[in-house]
Amino acid sequence: MKPDIVSQTLKTYFILKGKSLKSIQRYLSIKYRLYLDEKLLEKRLRNLLTQ
């Protein structure tokens, strides 16, 4: 199964490049017009790291 945009972005920018969740939130809102709460990104990141 191919990862979705949020998972790909978290993996690329948070894990590999060390960006903050705030900058990832801003990136998703500008590039994809996705407005996600920071708490949701934290939850998605925890799920991604436990896999």
Protein backbone atom coordinates (compact mmCIF):
# COMPACT_ATOMS: atom_id res chain seq x y z
CA MET A 1 0.00 0.00 0.00
CA LYS A 2 1.38 3.39 -0.97
CA PRO A 3 1.67 5.92 1.89
CA ASP A 4 -0.52 9.01 1.74
CA ILE A 5 0.74 12.59 1.38
CA VAL A 6 0.83 13.29 5.12
CA SER A 7 2.83 10.14 5.91
CA GLN A 8 5.28 10.80 3.08
CA THR A 9 5.75 14.38 4.22
CA LEU A 10 6.30 13.41 7.85
CA LYS A 11 8.79 10.74 6.87
CA THR A 12 10.71 13.02 4.51
CA TYR A 13 10.75 16.29 6.41
CA PHE A 14 10.48 15.31 10.09
CA ILE A 15 12.45 12.07 10.25
CA LEU A 16 15.01 12.57 7.49
CA LYS A 17 15.49 16.36 7.43
CA GLY A 18 14.62 17.23 11.04
CA LYS A 19 12.00 19.91 10.34
CA SER A 20 9.52 20.95 13.01
CA LEU A 21 5.86 19.95 13.00
CA LYS A 22 4.91 23.61 12.65
CA SER A 23 6.87 23.93 9.39
CA ILE A 24 5.38 20.68 8.10
CA GLN A 25 1.92 21.99 8.96
CA ARG A 26 2.65 25.19 7.01
CA TYR A 27 4.07 23.21 4.05
CA LEU A 28 0.98 21.00 3.80
CA SER A 29 -1.34 24.00 3.96
CA ILE A 30 0.51 25.87 1.22
CA LYS A 31 1.31 23.03 -1.18
CA TYR A 32 -1.75 20.79 -0.79
CA ARG A 33 -4.26 23.09 0.97
CA LEU A 34 -4.47 20.60 3.83
CA TYR A 35 -5.17 22.29 7.14
CA LEU A 36 -4.24 19.80 9.86
CA ASP A 37 -4.08 20.36 13.58
CA GLU A 38 -0.65 19.94 15.15
CA LYS A 39 -2.06 17.32 17.54
CA LEU A 40 -3.18 15.25 14.56
CA LEU A 41 0.29 15.45 13.03
CA GLU A 42 1.80 14.31 16.34
CA LYS A 43 -0.58 11.33 16.41
CA ARG A 44 0.24 10.42 12.80
CA LEU A 45 3.95 10.69 13.58
CA ARG A 46 3.63 8.38 16.61
CA ASN A 47 1.78 5.85 14.47
CA LEU A 48 4.45 6.12 11.78
CA LEU A 49 7.28 5.58 14.25
CA THR A 50 5.67 2.53 15.85
CA GLN A 51 5.30 0.70 12.54
